[in-house]
Amino acid sequence: MIAYLVLVHRYPAQFKRMFKSIYDPANHYLIHVDKNSGPELEADIRRFLRGFPNSAILKGHRALWGGYSLVDAELRGMAQLLEMGADWEFFINLSGQDYPLKSQDEIATFLKRNRGKEFIKVLDQRKARPETMKRIGRYVIEFEKRIVRTPFPRSFMAGVSPYIGNQWMIVSRRFCEFVCHDPQAKRYKAFYRNTFIADEGFFQTVMMNTTAHGEIVSDDLRMIDWVPDGDIKLRPRTFIAEDAPDLLASHCLFARKFDATVDDEILDMIDDRLRADEPPMPLPLRPRIPVPVHLSVPVAQAAFLAS
């Protein structure tokens, strides 16, 4: 039914707790452990996953914030999940510091009711976030542990409109097959390989400029509280127990981020909700984006993103 890709770089105990909360024998699970985190973390997670036959480890590469390496991990993950099984319909990516707000039964029910839809934040980059155009307007080189943003300008792809959002998504198997294997996707990969923070625009731009996808809903179904953080501008605030009422009332399927070393009580409270024997909560949708791809999104909707 669902194919999960989870990106992990620390906190193995918290990852294991989250994994158990999203586990269902009917799904497929693929875990990428950042090579920067060292072999001990990967070995620990490999031992843990031995008890879950429908899970696997994606070969770990170095994943650098701001680099194309994050897009590469997503693409390699999608491709391996496509090989792992032909029975899943939806791809969901998570980090090790995410947590579900709904049970797997509720999530599966929601997705079945919304077959043919792609849940991903989408903004017209030129109109809604023009200050980020420099990310794709300058040539960027990613080395193993650092990114060099050169002063050399470059033109955007001819006949293509740039879009932006964030890296989180719930998308169809059809789109995964296209973006991984269709020759039309190669030019997008080649261009975005030398851009800054490619993971916040690559998938949106491919989807909005091609036709191999379902109806686009500009909602990734994640609850994230973006707060200022120096030069990065915005970062996801760590949720604590006081946030429980908002989290448990949210229409979102997942939230981020959590840190059990800061507050694990909030995870206990969510687990209590997930274990509760109650009927699924209604999950309202936010406004949908029609295709074709020309959007006009107010700048205010972009406040959740880091520039």
C-alpha atoms as a PDB file:
ATOM      1  CA  MET A   1       0.000   0.000   0.000  1.00  0.00           C
ATOM      2  CA  ILE A   2       2.588   2.577   1.178  1.00  0.00           C
ATOM      3  CA  ALA A   3       6.330   2.843   0.527  1.00  0.00           C
ATOM      4  CA  TYR A   4       8.217   4.770   3.192  1.00  0.00           C
ATOM      5  CA  LEU A   5      11.672   6.279   2.815  1.00  0.00           C
ATOM      6  CA  VAL A   6      13.173   7.451   6.114  1.00  0.00           C
ATOM      7  CA  LEU A   7      16.325   9.595   6.210  1.00  0.00           C
ATOM      8  CA  VAL A   8      18.270   9.142   9.451  1.00  0.00           C
ATOM      9  CA  HIS A   9      21.386  10.905  10.701  1.00  0.00           C
ATOM     10  CA  ARG A  10      21.189  10.636  14.521  1.00  0.00           C
ATOM     11  CA  TYR A  11      19.060   9.528  17.495  1.00  0.00           C
ATOM     12  CA  PRO A  12      18.726   5.786  16.764  1.00  0.00           C
ATOM     13  CA  ALA A  13      16.407   5.169  19.735  1.00  0.00           C
ATOM     14  CA  GLN A  14      14.007   7.854  18.560  1.00  0.00           C
ATOM     15  CA  PHE A  15      14.098   6.477  15.021  1.00  0.00           C
ATOM     16  CA  LYS A  16      13.222   2.989  16.289  1.00  0.00           C
ATOM     17  CA  ARG A  17      10.283   4.374  18.226  1.00  0.00           C
ATOM     18  CA  MET A  18       9.028   6.262  15.193  1.00  0.00           C
ATOM     19  CA  PHE A  19       9.533   3.232  12.936  1.00  0.00           C
ATOM     20  CA  LYS A  20       7.361   1.072  15.195  1.00  0.00           C
ATOM     21  CA  SER A  21       4.672   3.758  15.142  1.00  0.00           C
ATOM     22  CA  ILE A  22       4.477   3.683  11.323  1.00  0.00           C
ATOM     23  CA  TYR A  23       5.046  -0.041  10.859  1.00  0.00           C
ATOM     24  CA  ASP A  24       2.528  -2.212   9.044  1.00  0.00           C
ATOM     25  CA  PRO A  25       3.327  -5.576   7.410  1.00  0.00           C
ATOM     26  CA  ALA A  26       1.484  -4.435   4.278  1.00  0.00           C
ATOM     27  CA  ASN A  27       3.900  -1.562   3.633  1.00  0.00           C
ATOM     28  CA  HIS A  28       7.505  -1.292   2.446  1.00  0.00           C
ATOM     29  CA  TYR A  29      10.206   0.550   4.401  1.00  0.00           C
ATOM     30  CA  LEU A  30      13.586   1.784   3.222  1.00  0.00           C
ATOM     31  CA  ILE A  31      16.047   3.527   5.533  1.00  0.00           C
ATOM     32  CA  HIS A  32      18.909   5.790   4.465  1.00  0.00           C
ATOM     33  CA  VAL A  33      21.570   6.392   7.111  1.00  0.00           C
ATOM     34  CA  ASP A  34      23.702   9.436   6.372  1.00  0.00           C
ATOM     35  CA  LYS A  35      27.274   8.291   5.785  1.00  0.00           C
ATOM     36  CA  ASN A  36      28.420  11.332   7.773  1.00  0.00           C
ATOM     37  CA  SER A  37      26.915   9.686  10.867  1.00  0.00           C
ATOM     38  CA  GLY A  38      29.455   6.860  10.978  1.00  0.00           C
ATOM     39  CA  PRO A  39      29.228   3.057  10.625  1.00  0.00           C
ATOM     40  CA  GLU A  40      28.007   2.444  14.185  1.00  0.00           C
ATOM     41  CA  LEU A  41      24.644   4.091  13.566  1.00  0.00           C
ATOM     42  CA  GLU A  42      24.034   2.112  10.391  1.00  0.00           C
ATOM     43  CA  ALA A  43      25.060  -1.151  12.068  1.00  0.00           C
ATOM     44  CA  ASP A  44      22.649  -0.460  14.938  1.00  0.00           C
ATOM     45  CA  ILE A  45      19.761   0.202  12.570  1.00  0.00           C
ATOM     46  CA  ARG A  46      20.591  -2.855  10.448  1.00  0.00           C
ATOM     47  CA  ARG A  47      20.348  -5.046  13.557  1.00  0.00           C
ATOM     48  CA  PHE A  48      17.027  -3.459  14.472  1.00  0.00           C
ATOM     49  CA  LEU A  49      15.515  -3.991  11.015  1.00  0.00           C
ATOM     50  CA  ARG A  50      16.259  -7.733  11.002  1.00  0.00           C
ATOM     51  CA  GLY A  51      12.918  -8.225  12.723  1.00  0.00           C
ATOM     52  CA  PHE A  52      11.044  -6.488   9.900  1.00  0.00           C
ATOM     53  CA  PRO A  53      11.213  -8.482   6.634  1.00  0.00           C
ATOM     54  CA  ASN A  54       9.492  -5.760   4.590  1.00  0.00           C
ATOM     55  CA  SER A  55      12.299  -3.281   5.363  1.00  0.00           C
ATOM     56  CA  ALA A  56      15.729  -2.612   3.885  1.00  0.00           C
ATOM     57  CA  ILE A  57      18.698  -0.265   4.081  1.00  0.00           C
ATOM     58  CA  LEU A  58      19.472   2.089   1.198  1.00  0.00           C
ATOM     59  CA  LYS A  59      23.194   2.350   0.515  1.00  0.00           C
ATOM     60  CA  GLY A  60      24.364   5.268   2.599  1.00  0.00           C
ATOM     61  CA  HIS A  61      25.883   8.307   0.926  1.00  0.00           C
ATOM     62  CA  ARG A  62      26.916  11.597   2.465  1.00  0.00           C
ATOM     63  CA  ALA A  63      23.863  13.854   2.655  1.00  0.00           C
ATOM     64  CA  LEU A  64      24.666  17.545   2.887  1.00  0.00           C
ATOM     65  CA  TRP A  65      22.101  20.229   3.685  1.00  0.00           C
ATOM     66  CA  GLY A  66      21.715  22.478   0.668  1.00  0.00           C
ATOM     67  CA  GLY A  67      23.226  19.918  -1.698  1.00  0.00           C
ATOM     68  CA  TYR A  68      21.849  17.773  -4.504  1.00  0.00           C
ATOM     69  CA  SER A  69      22.898  14.761  -2.426  1.00  0.00           C
ATOM     70  CA  LEU A  70      19.520  14.997  -0.659  1.00  0.00           C
ATOM     71  CA  VAL A  71      17.678  14.776  -3.985  1.00  0.00           C
ATOM     72  CA  ASP A  72      19.927  11.884  -4.948  1.00  0.00           C
ATOM     73  CA  ALA A  73      18.985  10.013  -1.755  1.00  0.00           C
ATOM     74  CA  GLU A  74      15.282  10.509  -2.513  1.00  0.00           C
ATOM     75  CA  LEU A  75      15.667   9.313  -6.116  1.00  0.00           C
ATOM     76  CA  ARG A  76      17.721   6.280  -5.157  1.00  0.00           C
ATOM     77  CA  GLY A  77      15.174   5.522  -2.440  1.00  0.00           C
ATOM     78  CA  MET A  78      12.241   5.746  -4.829  1.00  0.00           C
ATOM     79  CA  ALA A  79      14.025   3.511  -7.339  1.00  0.00           C
ATOM     80  CA  GLN A  80      14.830   0.832  -4.758  1.00  0.00           C
ATOM     81  CA  LEU A  81      11.295   0.890  -3.361  1.00  0.00           C
ATOM     82  CA  LEU A  82       9.932   0.385  -6.880  1.00  0.00           C
ATOM     83  CA  GLU A  83      12.077  -2.760  -7.058  1.00  0.00           C
ATOM     84  CA  MET A  84      11.066  -3.928  -3.582  1.00  0.00           C
ATOM     85  CA  GLY A  85       7.430  -4.406  -4.510  1.00  0.00           C
ATOM     86  CA  ALA A  86       4.811  -3.790  -7.181  1.00  0.00           C
ATOM     87  CA  ASP A  87       1.933  -3.516  -4.728  1.00  0.00           C
ATOM     88  CA  TRP A  88       2.477  -0.072  -3.206  1.00  0.00           C
ATOM     89  CA  GLU A  89       0.642   2.996  -4.491  1.00  0.00           C
ATOM     90  CA  PHE A  90       1.966   5.900  -2.398  1.00  0.00           C
ATOM     91  CA  PHE A  91       5.457   7.109  -1.545  1.00  0.00           C
ATOM     92  CA  ILE A  92       6.034   8.961   1.747  1.00  0.00           C
ATOM     93  CA  ASN A  93       9.374  10.434   2.805  1.00  0.00           C
ATOM     94  CA  LEU A  94      10.209  11.101   6.442  1.00  0.00           C
ATOM     95  CA  SER A  95      13.175  12.059   8.587  1.00  0.00           C
ATOM     96  CA  GLY A  96      14.181  10.252  11.748  1.00  0.00           C
ATOM     97  CA  GLN A  97      12.803  13.172  13.778  1.00  0.00           C
ATOM     98  CA  ASP A  98       9.297  13.039  12.287  1.00  0.00           C
ATOM     99  CA  TYR A  99       6.358  11.347  13.989  1.00  0.00           C
ATOM    100  CA  PRO A 100       2.912  10.258  12.775  1.00  0.00           C
ATOM    101  CA  LEU A 101      -0.156  12.064  14.071  1.00  0.00           C
ATOM    102  CA  LYS A 102      -2.536   9.417  12.734  1.00  0.00           C
ATOM    103  CA  SER A 103      -2.523   5.639  12.906  1.00  0.00           C
ATOM    104  CA  GLN A 104      -1.538   3.556   9.911  1.00  0.00           C
ATOM    105  CA  ASP A 105      -5.178   2.550   9.458  1.00  0.00           C
ATOM    106  CA  GLU A 106      -6.206   6.204   9.326  1.00  0.00           C
ATOM    107  CA  ILE A 107      -3.389   7.074   6.932  1.00  0.00           C
ATOM    108  CA  ALA A 108      -4.226   4.142   4.653  1.00  0.00           C
ATOM    109  CA  THR A 109      -7.921   5.056   4.689  1.00  0.00           C
ATOM    110  CA  PHE A 110      -7.157   8.662   3.830  1.00  0.00           C
ATOM    111  CA  LEU A 111      -4.871   7.713   0.940  1.00  0.00           C
ATOM    112  CA  LYS A 112      -7.375   5.221  -0.486  1.00  0.00           C
ATOM    113  CA  ARG A 113      -9.976   7.977  -0.508  1.00  0.00           C
ATOM    114  CA  ASN A 114      -7.523  10.273  -2.290  1.00  0.00           C
ATOM    115  CA  ARG A 115      -6.127   8.028  -5.002  1.00  0.00           C
ATOM    116  CA  GLY A 116      -4.918  10.045  -7.939  1.00  0.00           C
ATOM    117  CA  LYS A 117      -3.669  12.973  -5.856  1.00  0.00           C
ATOM    118  CA  GLU A 118      -0.136  14.233  -5.174  1.00  0.00           C
ATOM    119  CA  PHE A 119       0.432  15.937  -1.806  1.00  0.00           C
ATOM    120  CA  ILE A 120       3.370  18.331  -2.087  1.00  0.00           C
ATOM    121  CA  LYS A 121       3.852  22.028  -1.258  1.00  0.00           C
ATOM    122  CA  VAL A 122       4.066  23.992  -4.504  1.00  0.00           C
ATOM    123  CA  LEU A 123       4.718  27.689  -5.111  1.00  0.00           C
ATOM    124  CA  ASP A 124       5.528  29.573  -8.293  1.00  0.00           C
ATOM    125  CA  GLN A 125       9.141  30.432  -7.455  1.00  0.00           C
ATOM    126  CA  ARG A 126       9.402  33.589  -9.570  1.00  0.00           C
ATOM    127  CA  LYS A 127       6.172  35.076  -8.228  1.00  0.00           C
ATOM    128  CA  ALA A 128       5.982  33.847  -4.625  1.00  0.00           C
ATOM    129  CA  ARG A 129       9.628  33.587  -3.644  1.00  0.00           C
ATOM    130  CA  PRO A 130      11.713  35.681  -6.028  1.00  0.00           C
ATOM    131  CA  GLU A 131      14.453  36.062  -3.409  1.00  0.00           C
ATOM    132  CA  THR A 132      15.237  32.344  -3.835  1.00  0.00           C
ATOM    133  CA  MET A 133      15.864  32.590  -7.579  1.00  0.00           C
ATOM    134  CA  LYS A 134      19.568  32.985  -6.814  1.00  0.00           C
ATOM    135  CA  ARG A 135      19.548  29.346  -5.718  1.00  0.00           C
ATOM    136  CA  ILE A 136      19.049  28.297  -9.327  1.00  0.00           C
ATOM    137  CA  GLY A 137      20.663  31.321 -10.991  1.00  0.00           C
ATOM    138  CA  ARG A 138      24.226  30.622  -9.820  1.00  0.00           C
ATOM    139  CA  TYR A 139      26.382  27.579 -10.492  1.00  0.00           C
ATOM    140  CA  VAL A 140      26.831  25.467  -7.351  1.00  0.00           C
ATOM    141  CA  ILE A 141      29.322  22.663  -6.737  1.00  0.00           C
ATOM    142  CA  GLU A 142      28.869  20.069  -3.984  1.00  0.00           C
ATOM    143  CA  PHE A 143      31.941  18.363  -2.592  1.00  0.00           C
ATOM    144  CA  GLU A 144      31.926  15.594   0.008  1.00  0.00           C
ATOM    145  CA  LYS A 145      31.504  17.846   3.021  1.00  0.00           C
ATOM    146  CA  ARG A 146      30.891  21.317   1.668  1.00  0.00           C
ATOM    147  CA  ILE A 147      29.053  23.315  -0.966  1.00  0.00           C
ATOM    148  CA  VAL A 148      30.651  26.035  -3.065  1.00  0.00           C
ATOM    149  CA  ARG A 149      28.264  28.673  -4.431  1.00  0.00           C
ATOM    150  CA  THR A 150      30.190  30.210  -7.299  1.00  0.00           C
ATOM    151  CA  PRO A 151      29.581  33.711  -8.750  1.00  0.00           C
ATOM    152  CA  PHE A 152      28.995  32.220 -12.185  1.00  0.00           C
ATOM    153  CA  PRO A 153      25.455  32.899 -13.455  1.00  0.00           C
ATOM    154  CA  ARG A 154      23.404  30.362 -15.388  1.00  0.00           C
ATOM    155  CA  SER A 155      20.123  30.515 -17.257  1.00  0.00           C
ATOM    156  CA  PHE A 156      17.197  28.392 -16.151  1.00  0.00           C
ATOM    157  CA  MET A 157      16.015  25.543 -18.360  1.00  0.00           C
ATOM    158  CA  ALA A 158      14.375  26.711 -21.561  1.00  0.00           C
ATOM    159  CA  GLY A 159      10.623  26.251 -21.672  1.00  0.00           C
ATOM    160  CA  VAL A 160      10.436  25.317 -17.962  1.00  0.00           C
ATOM    161  CA  SER A 161       8.961  27.308 -15.056  1.00  0.00           C
ATOM    162  CA  PRO A 162      10.658  26.944 -11.642  1.00  0.00           C
ATOM    163  CA  TYR A 163       8.634  25.940  -8.597  1.00  0.00           C
ATOM    164  CA  ILE A 164       9.522  25.673  -4.932  1.00  0.00           C
ATOM    165  CA  GLY A 165       8.177  24.157  -1.720  1.00  0.00           C
ATOM    166  CA  ASN A 166       9.974  21.872   0.701  1.00  0.00           C
ATOM    167  CA  GLN A 167      11.370  18.352   0.637  1.00  0.00           C
ATOM    168  CA  TRP A 168       8.392  16.507   2.169  1.00  0.00           C
ATOM    169  CA  MET A 169       5.839  14.756  -0.002  1.00  0.00           C
ATOM    170  CA  ILE A 170       3.245  12.022  -0.409  1.00  0.00           C
ATOM    171  CA  VAL A 171       3.250  11.164  -4.098  1.00  0.00           C
ATOM    172  CA  SER A 172       2.051   8.423  -6.394  1.00  0.00           C
ATOM    173  CA  ARG A 173       3.946   5.420  -7.681  1.00  0.00           C
ATOM    174  CA  ARG A 174       3.315   6.800 -11.173  1.00  0.00           C
ATOM    175  CA  PHE A 175       5.256   9.965 -10.400  1.00  0.00           C
ATOM    176  CA  CYS A 176       8.080   8.002  -8.752  1.00  0.00           C
ATOM    177  CA  GLU A 177       8.453   5.820 -11.846  1.00  0.00           C
ATOM    178  CA  PHE A 178       8.545   8.900 -14.053  1.00  0.00           C
ATOM    179  CA  VAL A 179      11.038  10.941 -12.080  1.00  0.00           C
ATOM    180  CA  CYS A 180      13.345   7.959 -11.589  1.00  0.00           C
ATOM    181  CA  HIS A 181      13.294   6.344 -15.026  1.00  0.00           C
ATOM    182  CA  ASP A 182      11.720   8.488 -17.736  1.00  0.00           C
ATOM    183  CA  PRO A 183      14.225  10.121 -20.129  1.00  0.00           C
ATOM    184  CA  GLN A 184      12.292  13.390 -19.836  1.00  0.00           C
ATOM    185  CA  ALA A 185      13.431  13.689 -16.208  1.00  0.00           C
ATOM    186  CA  LYS A 186      17.142  13.584 -17.085  1.00  0.00           C
ATOM    187  CA  ARG A 187      17.413  17.275 -17.977  1.00  0.00           C
ATOM    188  CA  TYR A 188      15.943  18.287 -14.605  1.00  0.00           C
ATOM    189  CA  LYS A 189      18.440  16.102 -12.766  1.00  0.00           C
ATOM    190  CA  ALA A 190      21.320  17.502 -14.781  1.00  0.00           C
ATOM    191  CA  PHE A 191      20.340  21.092 -14.076  1.00  0.00           C
ATOM    192  CA  TYR A 192      19.434  20.798 -10.388  1.00  0.00           C
ATOM    193  CA  ARG A 193      22.633  18.899  -9.609  1.00  0.00           C
ATOM    194  CA  ASN A 194      24.385  22.280  -9.613  1.00  0.00           C
ATOM    195  CA  THR A 195      21.829  24.335  -7.692  1.00  0.00           C
ATOM    196  CA  PHE A 196      21.525  25.311  -4.028  1.00  0.00           C
ATOM    197  CA  ILE A 197      18.903  23.622  -1.790  1.00  0.00           C
ATOM    198  CA  ALA A 198      17.753  21.527  -4.730  1.00  0.00           C
ATOM    199  CA  ASP A 199      15.523  19.312  -2.581  1.00  0.00           C
ATOM    200  CA  GLU A 200      13.073  22.208  -2.071  1.00  0.00           C
ATOM    201  CA  GLY A 201      12.468  22.736  -5.787  1.00  0.00           C
ATOM    202  CA  PHE A 202      13.488  19.761  -7.887  1.00  0.00           C
ATOM    203  CA  PHE A 203      10.421  17.546  -7.400  1.00  0.00           C
ATOM    204  CA  GLN A 204       8.004  20.477  -7.599  1.00  0.00           C
ATOM    205  CA  THR A 205       9.548  21.702 -10.853  1.00  0.00           C
ATOM    206  CA  VAL A 206       9.495  18.247 -12.450  1.00  0.00           C
ATOM    207  CA  MET A 207       5.900  17.652 -11.433  1.00  0.00           C
ATOM    208  CA  MET A 208       4.564  21.058 -12.486  1.00  0.00           C
ATOM    209  CA  ASN A 209       6.225  20.968 -15.910  1.00  0.00           C
ATOM    210  CA  THR A 210       5.317  17.407 -16.891  1.00  0.00           C
ATOM    211  CA  THR A 211       2.146  15.340 -17.049  1.00  0.00           C
ATOM    212  CA  ALA A 212       3.064  12.039 -15.361  1.00  0.00           C
ATOM    213  CA  HIS A 213       1.258  12.709 -12.107  1.00  0.00           C
ATOM    214  CA  GLY A 214      -2.156  12.987 -10.543  1.00  0.00           C
ATOM    215  CA  GLU A 215      -4.050  16.003  -9.269  1.00  0.00           C
ATOM    216  CA  ILE A 216      -1.703  18.239  -7.259  1.00  0.00           C
ATOM    217  CA  VAL A 217      -2.688  19.289  -3.742  1.00  0.00           C
ATOM    218  CA  SER A 218      -0.412  21.988  -2.325  1.00  0.00           C
ATOM    219  CA  ASP A 219      -0.287  20.405   1.109  1.00  0.00           C
ATOM    220  CA  ASP A 220       2.362  17.916   2.241  1.00  0.00           C
ATOM    221  CA  LEU A 221       0.204  16.934   5.245  1.00  0.00           C
ATOM    222  CA  ARG A 222       3.017  17.765   7.703  1.00  0.00           C
ATOM    223  CA  MET A 223       2.615  19.996  10.746  1.00  0.00           C
ATOM    224  CA  ILE A 224       5.759  22.145  10.971  1.00  0.00           C
ATOM    225  CA  ASP A 225       6.256  25.305  13.009  1.00  0.00           C
ATOM    226  CA  TRP A 226       8.869  27.398  11.188  1.00  0.00           C
ATOM    227  CA  VAL A 227      10.789  29.812  13.425  1.00  0.00           C
ATOM    228  CA  PRO A 228      13.639  32.291  12.747  1.00  0.00           C
ATOM    229  CA  ASP A 229      17.173  30.956  13.089  1.00  0.00           C
ATOM    230  CA  GLY A 230      19.918  33.401  12.106  1.00  0.00           C
ATOM    231  CA  ASP A 231      21.336  33.096   8.619  1.00  0.00           C
ATOM    232  CA  ILE A 232      19.158  30.078   7.837  1.00  0.00           C
ATOM    233  CA  LYS A 233      16.129  32.384   8.304  1.00  0.00           C
ATOM    234  CA  LEU A 234      13.718  29.637   9.338  1.00  0.00           C
ATOM    235  CA  ARG A 235      13.957  26.199  10.896  1.00  0.00           C
ATOM    236  CA  PRO A 236      11.379  23.710  12.234  1.00  0.00           C
ATOM    237  CA  ARG A 237      10.760  24.287  15.939  1.00  0.00           C
ATOM    238  CA  THR A 238      11.051  21.251  18.231  1.00  0.00           C
ATOM    239  CA  PHE A 239       7.619  20.287  19.527  1.00  0.00           C
ATOM    240  CA  ILE A 240       7.095  19.773  23.255  1.00  0.00           C
ATOM    241  CA  ALA A 241       4.252  18.543  25.481  1.00  0.00           C
ATOM    242  CA  GLU A 242       2.557  21.945  25.504  1.00  0.00           C
ATOM    243  CA  ASP A 243       1.997  21.540  21.771  1.00  0.00           C
ATOM    244  CA  ALA A 244      -0.086  18.379  22.205  1.00  0.00           C
ATOM    245  CA  PRO A 245      -3.542  19.990  21.740  1.00  0.00           C
ATOM    246  CA  ASP A 246      -2.561  21.525  18.411  1.00  0.00           C
ATOM    247  CA  LEU A 247      -0.768  18.411  17.216  1.00  0.00           C
ATOM    248  CA  LEU A 248      -3.598  16.044  18.105  1.00  0.00           C
ATOM    249  CA  ALA A 249      -6.210  18.329  16.521  1.00  0.00           C
ATOM    250  CA  SER A 250      -4.251  18.807  13.293  1.00  0.00           C
ATOM    251  CA  HIS A 251      -5.507  17.523   9.945  1.00  0.00           C
ATOM    252  CA  CYS A 252      -1.904  16.585   9.121  1.00  0.00           C
ATOM    253  CA  LEU A 253      -0.734  12.991   8.958  1.00  0.00           C
ATOM    254  CA  PHE A 254       2.769  13.697  10.301  1.00  0.00           C
ATOM    255  CA  ALA A 255       4.652  16.381  12.226  1.00  0.00           C
ATOM    256  CA  ARG A 256       8.245  17.484  12.631  1.00  0.00           C
ATOM    257  CA  LYS A 257      10.402  17.890  14.392  1.00  0.00           C
ATOM    258  CA  PHE A 258      10.739  16.061  17.696  1.00  0.00           C
ATOM    259  CA  ASP A 259      13.711  15.547  19.981  1.00  0.00           C
ATOM    260  CA  ALA A 260      13.304  12.944  22.724  1.00  0.00           C
ATOM    261  CA  THR A 261      16.357  14.345  24.515  1.00  0.00           C
ATOM    262  CA  VAL A 262      14.473  17.634  24.881  1.00  0.00           C
ATOM    263  CA  ASP A 263      10.943  16.324  25.551  1.00  0.00           C
ATOM    264  CA  ASP A 264       9.799  12.720  25.168  1.00  0.00           C
ATOM    265  CA  GLU A 265       6.484  13.307  26.948  1.00  0.00           C
ATOM    266  CA  ILE A 266       5.003  14.651  23.725  1.00  0.00           C
ATOM    267  CA  LEU A 267       5.805  11.342  22.002  1.00  0.00           C
ATOM    268  CA  ASP A 268       4.070   9.475  24.832  1.00  0.00           C
ATOM    269  CA  MET A 269       0.987  11.631  24.327  1.00  0.00           C
ATOM    270  CA  ILE A 270       0.921  10.997  20.593  1.00  0.00           C
ATOM    271  CA  ASP A 271       1.418   7.262  21.153  1.00  0.00           C
ATOM    272  CA  ASP A 272      -1.578   7.264  23.488  1.00  0.00           C
ATOM    273  CA  ARG A 273      -3.629   8.795  20.681  1.00  0.00           C
ATOM    274  CA  LEU A 274      -2.353   6.261  18.141  1.00  0.00           C
ATOM    275  CA  ARG A 275      -3.166   3.342  20.438  1.00  0.00           C
ATOM    276  CA  ALA A 276      -6.626   4.591  21.284  1.00  0.00           C
ATOM    277  CA  ASP A 277      -9.438   2.349  20.129  1.00  0.00           C
ATOM    278  CA  GLU A 278     -11.503   4.950  18.313  1.00  0.00           C
ATOM    279  CA  PRO A 279     -12.793   5.478  14.780  1.00  0.00           C
ATOM    280  CA  PRO A 280     -10.618   7.380  12.334  1.00  0.00           C
ATOM    281  CA  MET A 281     -10.717  11.132  12.657  1.00  0.00           C
ATOM    282  CA  PRO A 282     -11.872  13.105   9.606  1.00  0.00           C
ATOM    283  CA  LEU A 283      -8.977  14.464   7.604  1.00  0.00           C
ATOM    284  CA  PRO A 284     -10.025  17.602   5.695  1.00  0.00           C
ATOM    285  CA  LEU A 285      -8.135  18.666   2.617  1.00  0.00           C
ATOM    286  CA  ARG A 286      -6.759  22.087   1.902  1.00  0.00           C
ATOM    287  CA  PRO A 287      -7.399  23.796  -1.452  1.00  0.00           C
ATOM    288  CA  ARG A 288      -6.220  21.828  -4.442  1.00  0.00           C
ATOM    289  CA  ILE A 289      -4.086  23.017  -7.329  1.00  0.00           C
ATOM    290  CA  PRO A 290      -5.516  22.243 -10.754  1.00  0.00           C
ATOM    291  CA  VAL A 291      -3.398  21.220 -13.699  1.00  0.00           C
ATOM    292  CA  PRO A 292      -2.216  22.866 -16.014  1.00  0.00           C
ATOM    293  CA  VAL A 293       0.664  24.218 -14.128  1.00  0.00           C
ATOM    294  CA  HIS A 294       0.304  28.000 -14.061  1.00  0.00           C
ATOM    295  CA  LEU A 295      -0.081  29.018 -10.419  1.00  0.00           C
ATOM    296  CA  SER A 296      -0.602  32.267  -8.622  1.00  0.00           C
ATOM    297  CA  VAL A 297       0.125  31.782  -4.918  1.00  0.00           C
ATOM    298  CA  PRO A 298       0.254  34.666  -2.424  1.00  0.00           C
ATOM    299  CA  VAL A 299       3.682  35.418  -1.012  1.00  0.00           C
ATOM    300  CA  ALA A 300       2.272  34.993   2.487  1.00  0.00           C
ATOM    301  CA  GLN A 301       1.863  31.272   1.886  1.00  0.00           C
ATOM    302  CA  ALA A 302       5.631  30.948   1.544  1.00  0.00           C
ATOM    303  CA  ALA A 303       6.376  31.986   5.110  1.00  0.00           C
ATOM    304  CA  PHE A 304       6.806  28.380   6.174  1.00  0.00           C
ATOM    305  CA  LEU A 305       9.957  27.978   4.075  1.00  0.00           C
ATOM    306  CA  ALA A 306      13.589  28.907   4.627  1.00  0.00           C
ATOM    307  CA  SER A 307      14.971  31.226   1.997  1.00  0.00           C
END
